[in-house]
Amino acid sequence: MDGNPTYDIFVIGGGINGCGIARDAVGRGYSVFLAEMDDLASGTSSNSTKLIHGGLRYLEYYEFRLVREALMEREVLWGNAPHIIHPMRFVLPYHKGGLRPAWLLRLGLFLYDHIGGRRKLPPTRTLDMRRDPSAKPLKPLFTKAFEYSDCWVNDARLVSLNARDAADRGAVIRTRAKVTQARRDGGMWQITLEDVITGEVEEVRTRLLVNAAGPWVDHVVADIAGKDVHNVRLVQGSHIVTRKKFDDPRAYFFQNNDGRIIFAIPYEDDFTLIGTTDRDYEGDPADAVITEKEIDYLAQAASEYFREPVNRDDIVWTYSGVRPLYDDGASKAQEATRDYVLKEDAPESAAPLINVFGGKITTYRRLSEHMLEKIEGFLGAKGPSWTRSAPLPGGDFPMTAFEEALRRLQERYAFLADAHARRLFRLYGTRAAALLGEAGSYQDMGRHFGADLYEAEVRYLMENEWALTAADVLWRRTKLGLRLDRQEVAALAEFMAQAAGDRKPGTGRKIAAAAGG
């Protein structure tokens, strides 16, 4: 047993919170091992509404601390990752007799503008919907709207880039590795891992265990403690993606007759993202799929606003995720707190366990800092907090200089089509140059798989971002699954399987370890 490698911190879960904690911890000088039983961001963290936002509606539930912290993080995260995060304006249509009076909306937006230290994002303004272009796709019900700022984020990329940066700084990032046992042993944790593809078993030791398993967090606690627990309320949120319903670059915030809200957001250039639902969920989070009722709800809710109704024929993709909200006893799923709770399990002289409950993408960095405060209490402090001003991989350019940085990439790789160059820079930022290497033409980028996906990008993702399957590439690292047909997907899957080898015992872990620096 003593021959097993020993780490300061072992993190269970490769979602945004787990990867954020691993990155922060290794950057302070702790040794870190992270294990994810599937792919990075394969659960909740790739199934969000893809916003960095304060959560305007949470003000109605008096979640002032959460909203303020989230608002303060918007520009911090934009500065950290200006390639995958960018400002977006939201139009909130208003009509007399609506669910919320104009004065309440104005008050909420005034707070939204002023409690979070907004500097770069433009403030709220009132729109005359008889003249403003945002009224064009809407029914002629509205004479007024409010326009406010939030940010868009590529959620799954945010996870991958946190993992990549953690690995660059020395963390071990292991995907397709399931923790099958965790037991305390002489002031340490003895962790048993199983490679879910090869079945190979590995053991490591750690001084402290972080449970950031998202929707599975209670399962991990139950397995370790051997008792039934109920700390999280699982809430399913589903989205539909349709053919583009409007040309305006702004998004819409719609208030439904049942008191809930949905967004309609420009998505991947040619599509519209509509969501989300909020319904309590029971069962295995891995099995969550959108229900017929949810599809009907989102289509009908959007159709109340758009001149052109949303029909099932418009839908090109759906996705559904399960949010592990801390169970605060709220009566409705949409009222359950989005705040996070960190709970310690540390019997005297025993190795500590810290569980992560709840949270949202916008506050992941602050959650990580709060987690490190707790870790320091057990392991002693090392380096100072550092992530506030540290760019994520590819984000090392000024937050307002996206177009200028893109132009530099296009000058270097003049053969790239404009849309292709923009897509690559949106995903990889300055690291697009590492992907493209010495390529001087499309022929230099290797096999073409469809749309603008080439072998060079696939190999980069396999070697640097733990991509192993076609789904990893098409639905988490990129969204090119919207553009490739079945034959193209099958060809990509076959190529990746061959490129990865037969995954003989140990092979996959060596690939992951190499990718993890």
Protein backbone atom coordinates (compact mmCIF):
# COMPACT_ATOMS: atom_id res chain seq x y z
CA MET A 1 0.00 0.00 0.00
CA ASP A 2 2.78 2.42 0.87
CA GLY A 3 4.01 2.18 -2.72
CA ASN A 4 0.92 3.91 -4.05
CA PRO A 5 1.39 7.51 -5.18
CA THR A 6 0.32 10.11 -2.62
CA TYR A 7 -1.34 13.45 -3.30
CA ASP A 8 -2.44 16.37 -1.18
CA ILE A 9 -5.88 16.55 -2.77
CA PHE A 10 -8.00 14.07 -4.72
CA VAL A 11 -11.00 15.49 -6.59
CA ILE A 12 -13.92 13.33 -7.68
CA GLY A 13 -15.75 14.90 -10.63
CA GLY A 14 -14.67 16.48 -13.92
CA GLY A 15 -17.35 19.12 -14.16
CA ILE A 16 -16.82 22.84 -13.76
CA ASN A 17 -16.52 22.78 -9.97
CA GLY A 18 -14.14 19.83 -9.84
CA CYS A 19 -11.89 21.22 -12.59
CA GLY A 20 -12.00 24.72 -11.11
CA ILE A 21 -10.98 23.42 -7.68
CA ALA A 22 -8.17 21.29 -9.16
CA ARG A 23 -6.84 24.27 -11.12
CA ASP A 24 -6.90 26.64 -8.14
CA ALA A 25 -5.33 24.08 -5.80
CA VAL A 26 -2.45 23.02 -8.06
CA GLY A 27 -1.74 26.67 -8.84
CA ARG A 28 -1.19 27.28 -5.12
CA GLY A 29 1.30 24.44 -4.85
CA TYR A 30 -0.74 21.43 -3.75
CA SER A 31 -0.36 18.10 -5.53
CA VAL A 32 -3.70 17.21 -7.14
CA PHE A 33 -5.33 14.20 -8.77
CA LEU A 34 -8.73 14.53 -10.45
CA ALA A 35 -10.82 11.56 -11.56
CA GLU A 36 -13.88 11.73 -13.83
CA MET A 37 -15.87 8.57 -14.57
CA ASP A 38 -16.89 9.76 -18.05
CA ASP A 39 -15.68 12.66 -20.21
CA LEU A 40 -15.00 16.15 -18.89
CA ALA A 41 -18.23 18.16 -18.73
CA SER A 42 -20.24 15.06 -19.64
CA GLY A 43 -22.97 15.89 -17.11
CA THR A 44 -24.49 19.12 -15.86
CA SER A 45 -21.63 21.36 -16.98
CA SER A 46 -22.32 20.96 -20.71
CA ASN A 47 -26.10 21.14 -20.40
CA SER A 48 -26.59 24.68 -19.10
CA THR A 49 -28.22 27.69 -20.76
CA LYS A 50 -24.62 28.78 -21.42
CA LEU A 51 -24.74 32.12 -19.63
CA ILE A 52 -22.40 33.93 -17.29
CA HIS A 53 -25.09 35.89 -15.51
CA GLY A 54 -26.20 37.22 -12.17
CA GLY A 55 -29.58 35.55 -12.44
CA LEU A 56 -32.06 38.41 -12.65
CA ARG A 57 -34.95 36.23 -11.51
CA TYR A 58 -33.13 35.16 -8.34
CA LEU A 59 -33.67 38.67 -7.00
CA GLU A 60 -37.34 37.71 -6.60
CA TYR A 61 -36.26 35.00 -4.16
CA TYR A 62 -34.06 37.45 -2.21
CA GLU A 63 -30.84 35.67 -3.26
CA PHE A 64 -28.94 38.95 -3.03
CA ARG A 65 -25.58 37.49 -1.97
CA LEU A 66 -25.62 34.94 -4.77
CA VAL A 67 -26.67 37.51 -7.38
CA ARG A 68 -24.05 40.03 -6.23
CA GLU A 69 -21.26 37.44 -6.30
CA ALA A 70 -22.36 36.23 -9.74
CA LEU A 71 -22.55 39.77 -11.12
CA MET A 72 -19.07 40.52 -9.80
CA GLU A 73 -17.77 37.40 -11.57
CA ARG A 74 -19.12 38.27 -15.03
CA GLU A 75 -16.32 40.63 -16.01
CA VAL A 76 -13.69 38.61 -14.11
CA LEU A 77 -14.50 35.52 -16.16
CA TRP A 78 -14.80 37.51 -19.37
CA GLY A 79 -11.28 38.78 -18.70
CA ASN A 80 -10.04 35.23 -17.95
CA ALA A 81 -11.46 33.73 -21.14
CA PRO A 82 -12.40 36.34 -23.76
CA HIS A 83 -12.37 33.70 -26.49
CA ILE A 84 -15.14 31.50 -25.02
CA ILE A 85 -16.98 34.25 -23.12
CA HIS A 86 -18.39 37.40 -24.66
CA PRO A 87 -20.92 40.08 -23.71
CA MET A 88 -24.52 39.68 -24.85
CA ARG A 89 -27.45 42.07 -24.61
CA PHE A 90 -30.82 40.71 -23.48
CA VAL A 91 -34.21 42.14 -24.44
CA LEU A 92 -36.96 41.80 -21.84
CA PRO A 93 -40.28 42.74 -23.52
CA TYR A 94 -42.93 44.38 -21.36
CA HIS A 95 -46.65 44.99 -21.80
CA LYS A 96 -49.28 46.37 -19.44
CA GLY A 97 -51.02 43.69 -17.48
CA GLY A 98 -47.93 41.48 -17.57
CA LEU A 99 -46.82 39.30 -14.69
CA ARG A 100 -44.42 41.86 -13.27
CA PRO A 101 -45.14 45.60 -13.21
CA ALA A 102 -42.74 47.97 -14.98
CA TRP A 103 -41.57 49.54 -11.72
CA LEU A 104 -40.52 46.11 -10.36
CA LEU A 105 -38.58 45.31 -13.53
CA ARG A 106 -36.88 48.72 -13.41
CA LEU A 107 -35.95 48.21 -9.76
CA GLY A 108 -34.58 44.74 -10.43
CA LEU A 109 -32.52 46.00 -13.37
CA PHE A 110 -31.27 48.99 -11.36
CA LEU A 111 -29.97 46.56 -8.72
CA TYR A 112 -28.58 44.35 -11.48
CA ASP A 113 -26.60 47.28 -12.88
CA HIS A 114 -25.24 48.55 -9.58
CA ILE A 115 -24.63 45.79 -7.01
CA GLY A 116 -22.03 43.84 -8.97
CA GLY A 117 -19.29 46.31 -9.82
CA ARG A 118 -20.12 46.49 -13.54
CA ARG A 119 -17.38 48.36 -15.45
CA LYS A 120 -17.08 47.24 -19.06
CA LEU A 121 -20.60 45.93 -19.71
CA PRO A 122 -23.08 48.57 -20.90
CA PRO A 123 -25.97 49.50 -18.56
CA THR A 124 -29.69 48.84 -18.90
CA ARG A 125 -31.70 50.96 -21.28
CA THR A 126 -35.37 51.20 -22.22
CA LEU A 127 -36.39 50.33 -25.79
CA ASP A 128 -39.26 51.74 -27.82
CA MET A 129 -40.58 48.57 -29.41
CA ARG A 130 -42.43 50.55 -32.04
CA ARG A 131 -39.04 51.42 -33.54
CA ASP A 132 -36.38 49.05 -32.21
CA PRO A 133 -35.26 46.20 -34.55
CA SER A 134 -35.59 43.69 -31.69
CA ALA A 135 -39.38 43.94 -32.06
CA LYS A 136 -39.32 42.61 -35.62
CA PRO A 137 -39.54 38.85 -34.83
CA LEU A 138 -42.04 39.38 -32.00
CA LYS A 139 -45.80 39.62 -32.00
CA PRO A 140 -47.05 43.25 -31.96
CA LEU A 141 -47.91 43.09 -28.27
CA PHE A 142 -45.18 45.28 -26.90
CA THR A 143 -44.54 48.99 -26.90
CA LYS A 144 -41.67 48.82 -24.43
CA ALA A 145 -38.77 46.56 -23.51
CA PHE A 146 -35.76 46.69 -21.24
CA GLU A 147 -32.32 45.80 -22.58
CA TYR A 148 -29.59 44.71 -20.16
CA SER A 149 -26.19 43.02 -20.19
CA ASP A 150 -24.94 39.56 -19.31
CA CYS A 151 -22.38 37.24 -20.91
CA TRP A 152 -22.44 34.15 -23.09
CA VAL A 153 -20.15 31.20 -22.31
CA ASN A 154 -19.22 27.99 -24.06
CA ASP A 155 -19.82 25.93 -20.92
CA ALA A 156 -18.10 22.66 -21.87
CA ARG A 157 -15.05 24.53 -23.16
CA LEU A 158 -14.82 26.36 -19.85
CA VAL A 159 -14.48 22.98 -18.14
CA SER A 160 -11.89 21.66 -20.60
CA LEU A 161 -9.77 24.79 -20.32
CA ASN A 162 -9.78 24.65 -16.53
CA ALA A 163 -8.67 21.02 -16.75
CA ARG A 164 -6.01 21.87 -19.33
CA ASP A 165 -4.62 24.68 -17.18
CA ALA A 166 -4.65 22.45 -14.09
CA ALA A 167 -2.70 19.80 -16.02
CA ASP A 168 -0.26 22.40 -17.38
CA ARG A 169 0.47 23.33 -13.77
CA GLY A 170 1.08 19.72 -12.71
CA ALA A 171 -2.27 18.18 -11.81
CA VAL A 172 -3.11 14.64 -12.91
CA ILE A 173 -6.40 14.68 -14.85
CA ARG A 174 -7.83 11.22 -15.43
CA THR A 175 -11.00 10.70 -17.44
CA ARG A 176 -12.98 7.46 -17.83
CA ALA A 177 -11.77 6.60 -14.32
CA LYS A 178 -14.41 5.68 -11.77
CA VAL A 179 -13.75 5.79 -8.05
CA THR A 180 -14.92 2.38 -6.84
CA GLN A 181 -13.75 2.71 -3.25
CA ALA A 182 -12.57 5.41 -0.87
CA ARG A 183 -11.64 4.52 2.68
CA ARG A 184 -9.80 6.23 5.48
CA ASP A 185 -6.53 4.61 6.44
CA GLY A 186 -4.25 6.06 9.08
CA GLY A 187 -5.00 9.73 8.47
CA MET A 188 -5.01 9.24 4.69
CA TRP A 189 -7.57 8.29 2.09
CA GLN A 190 -6.97 5.11 0.12
CA ILE A 191 -8.66 5.57 -3.28
CA THR A 192 -9.35 2.74 -5.72
CA LEU A 193 -9.93 3.68 -9.37
CA GLU A 194 -11.16 1.58 -12.25
CA ASP A 195 -10.57 2.41 -15.91
CA VAL A 196 -14.13 2.06 -17.22
CA ILE A 197 -12.89 1.00 -20.67
CA THR A 198 -10.08 -1.45 -19.88
CA GLY A 199 -11.14 -2.50 -16.37
CA GLU A 200 -7.64 -1.80 -15.07
CA VAL A 201 -7.52 -0.94 -11.37
CA GLU A 202 -5.26 1.67 -9.78
CA GLU A 203 -4.81 2.84 -6.19
CA VAL A 204 -3.64 6.20 -4.91
CA ARG A 205 -3.45 7.84 -1.51
CA THR A 206 -4.45 11.38 -0.62
CA ARG A 207 -4.48 13.63 2.41
CA LEU A 208 -7.83 15.20 1.56
CA LEU A 209 -10.79 14.16 -0.61
CA VAL A 210 -13.06 16.61 -2.48
CA ASN A 211 -16.41 15.28 -3.63
CA ALA A 212 -17.47 17.43 -6.60
CA ALA A 213 -19.50 14.71 -8.31
CA GLY A 214 -22.38 17.01 -9.21
CA PRO A 215 -25.68 15.11 -9.44
CA TRP A 216 -23.89 12.04 -8.05
CA VAL A 217 -22.55 13.83 -4.97
CA ASP A 218 -24.99 12.10 -2.60
CA HIS A 219 -24.15 8.71 -4.13
CA VAL A 220 -20.47 9.28 -3.39
CA VAL A 221 -21.26 10.34 0.19
CA ALA A 222 -23.46 7.28 0.66
CA ASP A 223 -20.80 4.94 -0.72
CA ILE A 224 -18.11 6.39 1.54
CA ALA A 225 -20.21 6.82 4.67
CA GLY A 226 -22.33 3.74 4.13
CA LYS A 227 -25.58 5.54 4.92
CA ASP A 228 -28.45 7.07 2.98
CA VAL A 229 -28.14 10.85 2.62
CA HIS A 230 -30.22 13.55 0.97
CA ASN A 231 -28.36 16.82 0.50
CA VAL A 232 -29.26 17.72 -3.06
CA ARG A 233 -32.46 18.29 -4.95
CA LEU A 234 -32.10 17.08 -8.52
CA VAL A 235 -33.76 19.50 -10.94
CA GLN A 236 -33.92 18.71 -14.64
CA GLY A 237 -33.38 21.54 -17.07
CA SER A 238 -34.02 20.93 -20.76
CA HIS A 239 -33.40 23.00 -23.88
CA ILE A 240 -34.36 22.91 -27.54
CA VAL A 241 -32.23 24.18 -30.40
CA THR A 242 -34.14 25.34 -33.47
CA ARG A 243 -33.34 26.75 -36.86
CA LYS A 244 -32.62 30.45 -36.48
CA LYS A 245 -35.78 32.29 -35.40
CA PHE A 246 -34.38 35.82 -35.60
CA ASP A 247 -31.39 37.70 -37.01
CA ASP A 248 -30.88 40.17 -34.15
CA PRO A 249 -27.63 39.52 -32.23
CA ARG A 250 -29.44 40.14 -28.94
CA ALA A 251 -31.10 37.43 -26.85
CA TYR A 252 -34.63 37.52 -25.43
CA PHE A 253 -35.83 37.05 -21.87
CA PHE A 254 -39.47 35.94 -21.91
CA GLN A 255 -41.81 35.91 -18.90
CA ASN A 256 -44.26 33.03 -19.12
CA ASN A 257 -47.84 33.10 -17.92
CA ASP A 258 -47.02 30.51 -15.24
CA GLY A 259 -44.49 32.87 -13.64
CA ARG A 260 -41.44 31.10 -15.04
CA ILE A 261 -39.01 32.53 -17.58
CA ILE A 262 -37.25 31.23 -20.67
CA PHE A 263 -34.46 32.57 -22.85
CA ALA A 264 -34.22 32.60 -26.64
CA ILE A 265 -30.56 33.02 -27.55
CA PRO A 266 -28.61 33.25 -30.83
CA TYR A 267 -26.68 29.98 -31.05
CA GLU A 268 -23.79 28.74 -33.21
CA ASP A 269 -24.53 31.31 -35.94
CA ASP A 270 -27.41 29.46 -37.61
CA PHE A 271 -29.60 28.38 -34.69
CA THR A 272 -31.66 29.58 -31.72
CA LEU A 273 -31.34 28.10 -28.23
CA ILE A 274 -34.57 28.08 -26.18
CA GLY A 275 -34.71 27.08 -22.50
CA THR A 276 -34.81 26.16 -19.76
CA THR A 277 -37.34 24.07 -17.92
CA ASP A 278 -37.28 23.35 -14.19
CA ARG A 279 -38.73 20.07 -12.96
CA ASP A 280 -37.79 17.78 -10.12
CA TYR A 281 -35.96 14.67 -11.26
CA GLU A 282 -35.65 11.18 -9.84
CA GLY A 283 -33.47 8.42 -11.18
CA ASP A 284 -29.97 8.19 -12.61
CA PRO A 285 -28.84 11.65 -13.82
CA ALA A 286 -27.06 9.94 -16.72
CA ASP A 287 -30.46 8.91 -18.10
CA ALA A 288 -31.95 12.41 -18.23
CA VAL A 289 -33.55 13.23 -21.57
CA ILE A 290 -36.02 15.92 -22.53
CA THR A 291 -39.64 14.83 -22.18
CA GLU A 292 -42.40 15.37 -24.72
CA LYS A 293 -44.07 17.65 -22.18
CA GLU A 294 -40.94 19.79 -21.88
CA ILE A 295 -40.61 20.08 -25.67
CA ASP A 296 -44.22 21.23 -25.89
CA TYR A 297 -43.77 23.65 -23.00
CA LEU A 298 -40.71 25.37 -24.52
CA ALA A 299 -42.20 25.52 -28.02
CA GLN A 300 -45.50 26.91 -26.78
CA ALA A 301 -43.88 29.41 -24.40
CA ALA A 302 -41.67 30.82 -27.18
CA SER A 303 -44.59 30.83 -29.61
CA GLU A 304 -46.46 33.18 -27.27
CA TYR A 305 -43.85 35.81 -28.18
CA PHE A 306 -42.59 35.09 -31.70
CA ARG A 307 -44.62 36.03 -34.77
CA GLU A 308 -43.48 32.79 -36.37
CA PRO A 309 -44.44 29.95 -33.99
CA VAL A 310 -41.90 27.37 -32.87
CA ASN A 311 -42.93 24.02 -34.35
CA ARG A 312 -41.45 20.59 -33.83
CA ASP A 313 -40.16 20.69 -37.40
CA ASP A 314 -37.97 23.66 -36.36
CA ILE A 315 -36.12 21.63 -33.70
CA VAL A 316 -32.71 20.34 -34.75
CA TRP A 317 -31.38 19.22 -31.36
CA THR A 318 -32.41 18.92 -27.73
CA TYR A 319 -30.39 18.46 -24.58
CA SER A 320 -31.17 17.94 -20.95
CA GLY A 321 -29.15 18.08 -17.76
CA VAL A 322 -29.72 17.55 -14.06
CA ARG A 323 -28.73 20.35 -11.70
CA PRO A 324 -27.68 19.21 -8.21
CA LEU A 325 -29.22 22.05 -6.20
CA TYR A 326 -28.73 22.18 -2.46
CA ASP A 327 -31.99 21.03 -0.92
CA ASP A 328 -33.26 24.04 1.00
CA GLY A 329 -36.84 22.79 1.22
CA ALA A 330 -38.18 25.15 -1.47
CA SER A 331 -41.64 24.16 -2.64
CA LYS A 332 -40.97 24.58 -6.37
CA ALA A 333 -38.01 23.44 -8.42
CA GLN A 334 -37.51 26.92 -9.88
CA GLU A 335 -37.41 28.38 -6.35
CA ALA A 336 -34.67 26.07 -5.03
CA THR A 337 -31.48 28.00 -4.28
CA ARG A 338 -28.74 28.12 -6.91
CA ASP A 339 -26.23 28.96 -4.19
CA TYR A 340 -23.52 26.50 -3.24
CA VAL A 341 -22.78 24.83 0.07
CA LEU A 342 -19.47 23.22 1.09
CA LYS A 343 -19.77 20.64 3.86
CA GLU A 344 -16.88 19.10 5.77
CA ASP A 345 -16.73 15.56 7.09
CA ALA A 346 -13.63 15.41 9.25
CA PRO A 347 -13.76 13.26 12.39
CA GLU A 348 -10.93 14.03 14.78
CA SER A 349 -7.53 12.95 13.39
CA ALA A 350 -9.22 11.32 10.36
CA ALA A 351 -8.58 12.30 6.75
CA PRO A 352 -11.00 15.08 5.74
CA LEU A 353 -13.74 14.91 3.11
CA ILE A 354 -15.29 18.11 1.72
CA ASN A 355 -18.51 17.83 -0.30
CA VAL A 356 -19.72 20.36 -2.88
CA PHE A 357 -23.48 20.87 -3.11
CA GLY A 358 -25.17 23.15 -5.62
CA GLY A 359 -23.53 26.04 -7.41
CA LYS A 360 -23.72 27.49 -10.91
CA ILE A 361 -21.22 27.98 -13.69
CA THR A 362 -20.95 31.73 -13.09
CA THR A 363 -19.72 31.28 -9.53
CA TYR A 364 -17.42 28.30 -10.04
CA ARG A 365 -14.23 30.34 -9.54
CA ARG A 366 -15.45 31.83 -6.25
CA LEU A 367 -16.64 28.40 -5.11
CA SER A 368 -13.12 27.13 -5.81
CA GLU A 369 -11.61 29.93 -3.73
CA HIS A 370 -13.95 29.15 -0.84
CA MET A 371 -13.05 25.47 -1.15
CA LEU A 372 -9.34 26.36 -0.95
CA GLU A 373 -9.99 28.31 2.26
CA LYS A 374 -11.39 25.11 3.77
CA ILE A 375 -8.54 23.01 2.37
CA GLU A 376 -5.99 25.41 3.88
CA GLY A 377 -7.63 24.87 7.26
CA PHE A 378 -6.79 21.17 7.03
CA LEU A 379 -3.55 21.05 5.05
CA GLY A 380 -2.06 24.45 5.81
CA ALA A 381 -1.78 27.37 3.43
CA LYS A 382 0.56 27.35 0.45
CA GLY A 383 0.34 29.96 -2.29
CA PRO A 384 -2.12 32.89 -2.34
CA SER A 385 -5.34 33.07 -4.35
CA TRP A 386 -4.43 33.73 -7.98
CA THR A 387 -7.20 32.85 -10.44
CA ARG A 388 -8.90 36.25 -10.54
CA SER A 389 -6.37 37.71 -12.98
CA ALA A 390 -5.00 34.54 -14.61
CA PRO A 391 -6.16 33.85 -18.18
CA LEU A 392 -7.36 30.41 -19.12
CA PRO A 393 -5.50 28.67 -21.98
CA GLY A 394 -5.94 30.69 -25.17
CA GLY A 395 -7.37 33.70 -23.35
CA ASP A 396 -4.17 35.70 -23.07
CA PHE A 397 -5.37 38.80 -24.89
CA PRO A 398 -7.38 41.86 -23.71
CA MET A 399 -11.05 41.14 -23.05
CA THR A 400 -12.21 43.78 -25.53
CA ALA A 401 -9.68 42.85 -28.25
CA PHE A 402 -11.23 39.69 -29.68
CA GLU A 403 -11.48 41.00 -33.25
CA GLU A 404 -7.90 42.28 -33.22
CA ALA A 405 -6.55 38.98 -31.89
CA LEU A 406 -8.60 37.06 -34.46
CA ARG A 407 -7.18 39.23 -37.23
CA ARG A 408 -3.64 38.29 -36.19
CA LEU A 409 -4.55 34.60 -36.49
CA GLN A 410 -6.07 35.20 -39.93
CA GLU A 411 -2.95 37.03 -41.10
CA ARG A 412 -0.81 34.06 -40.08
CA TYR A 413 -3.18 31.46 -41.58
CA ALA A 414 -4.55 33.32 -44.59
CA PHE A 415 -5.89 30.13 -46.19
CA LEU A 416 -8.60 29.75 -43.53
CA ALA A 417 -12.13 30.77 -44.49
CA ASP A 418 -13.33 33.66 -42.33
CA ALA A 419 -16.04 31.61 -40.59
CA HIS A 420 -13.60 28.77 -39.92
CA ALA A 421 -10.97 31.08 -38.46
CA ARG A 422 -13.59 32.69 -36.23
CA ARG A 423 -14.86 29.33 -35.01
CA LEU A 424 -11.35 28.13 -34.17
CA PHE A 425 -10.51 31.33 -32.34
CA ARG A 426 -13.81 31.23 -30.43
CA LEU A 427 -12.92 27.74 -29.18
CA TYR A 428 -9.15 27.88 -28.73
CA GLY A 429 -8.17 31.54 -28.67
CA THR A 430 -4.43 32.02 -29.09
CA ARG A 431 -3.91 28.26 -28.80
CA ALA A 432 -5.50 27.88 -32.24
CA ALA A 433 -1.97 28.47 -33.50
CA ALA A 434 -0.80 25.34 -31.66
CA LEU A 435 -3.60 23.40 -33.34
CA LEU A 436 -2.80 24.75 -36.80
CA GLY A 437 0.97 24.48 -36.43
CA GLU A 438 2.83 24.99 -39.69
CA ALA A 439 -0.25 24.45 -41.89
CA GLY A 440 -0.22 26.59 -45.03
CA SER A 441 -3.27 25.10 -46.70
CA TYR A 442 -6.26 22.91 -45.96
CA GLN A 443 -4.33 19.97 -47.38
CA ASP A 444 -1.87 20.38 -44.51
CA MET A 445 -4.68 19.90 -41.95
CA GLY A 446 -5.22 16.27 -42.86
CA ARG A 447 -8.41 14.36 -43.38
CA HIS A 448 -11.65 16.31 -43.74
CA PHE A 449 -14.57 14.92 -41.70
CA GLY A 450 -17.35 17.31 -42.73
CA ALA A 451 -18.33 20.94 -42.10
CA ASP A 452 -14.99 22.58 -41.25
CA LEU A 453 -13.65 19.76 -39.06
CA TYR A 454 -10.20 18.49 -40.04
CA GLU A 455 -7.82 15.90 -38.68
CA ALA A 456 -5.52 18.52 -37.17
CA GLU A 457 -8.28 19.69 -34.82
CA VAL A 458 -9.34 16.16 -33.89
CA ARG A 459 -5.77 15.14 -33.09
CA TYR A 460 -5.24 18.31 -31.06
CA LEU A 461 -8.33 17.52 -28.97
CA MET A 462 -7.26 13.93 -28.43
CA GLU A 463 -3.70 14.86 -27.46
CA ASN A 464 -4.43 17.98 -25.39
CA GLU A 465 -8.02 17.85 -24.16
CA TRP A 466 -8.76 14.20 -23.33
CA ALA A 467 -11.20 13.69 -26.22
CA LEU A 468 -11.68 9.99 -26.85
CA THR A 469 -14.95 9.57 -28.76
CA ALA A 470 -16.79 11.35 -31.56
CA ALA A 471 -19.30 12.68 -29.01
CA ASP A 472 -16.45 14.24 -27.02
CA VAL A 473 -15.40 16.19 -30.11
CA LEU A 474 -18.78 16.93 -31.67
CA TRP A 475 -20.87 17.81 -28.63
CA ARG A 476 -18.50 18.96 -25.89
CA ARG A 477 -15.26 20.33 -27.39
CA THR A 478 -17.14 21.73 -30.40
CA LYS A 479 -20.81 21.81 -31.43
CA LEU A 480 -20.16 20.41 -34.89
CA GLY A 481 -22.60 17.63 -34.14
CA LEU A 482 -25.16 20.14 -35.41
CA ARG A 483 -23.51 20.05 -38.84
CA LEU A 484 -22.19 16.54 -39.52
CA ASP A 485 -24.43 13.82 -40.93
CA ARG A 486 -24.53 10.22 -39.69
CA GLN A 487 -22.00 8.92 -42.18
CA GLU A 488 -19.55 11.68 -41.29
CA VAL A 489 -20.01 10.98 -37.56
CA ALA A 490 -19.38 7.28 -38.15
CA ALA A 491 -16.21 8.04 -40.12
CA LEU A 492 -14.96 10.31 -37.34
CA ALA A 493 -15.71 7.67 -34.69
CA GLU A 494 -13.80 5.05 -36.67
CA PHE A 495 -10.83 7.37 -37.14
CA MET A 496 -10.69 8.28 -33.44
CA ALA A 497 -10.92 4.66 -32.34
CA GLN A 498 -8.01 3.80 -34.62
CA ALA A 499 -6.01 6.85 -33.54
CA ALA A 500 -6.47 6.00 -29.86
CA GLY A 501 -5.35 2.41 -30.46
CA ASP A 502 -7.17 -0.54 -29.03
CA ARG A 503 -6.97 0.90 -25.50
CA LYS A 504 -4.96 -2.02 -24.21
CA PRO A 505 -4.54 -2.02 -20.42
CA GLY A 506 -2.78 1.18 -19.40
CA THR A 507 -2.86 2.75 -22.87
CA GLY A 508 -5.73 5.11 -22.16
CA ARG A 509 -4.19 6.24 -18.90
CA LYS A 510 -0.89 6.97 -20.57
CA ILE A 511 -2.70 9.08 -23.15
CA ALA A 512 -4.51 10.94 -20.35
CA ALA A 513 -1.34 11.38 -18.35
CA ALA A 514 0.53 12.71 -21.37
CA ALA A 515 -2.33 15.07 -22.15
CA GLY A 516 -2.33 16.11 -18.54
CA GLY A 517 1.27 17.25 -18.57
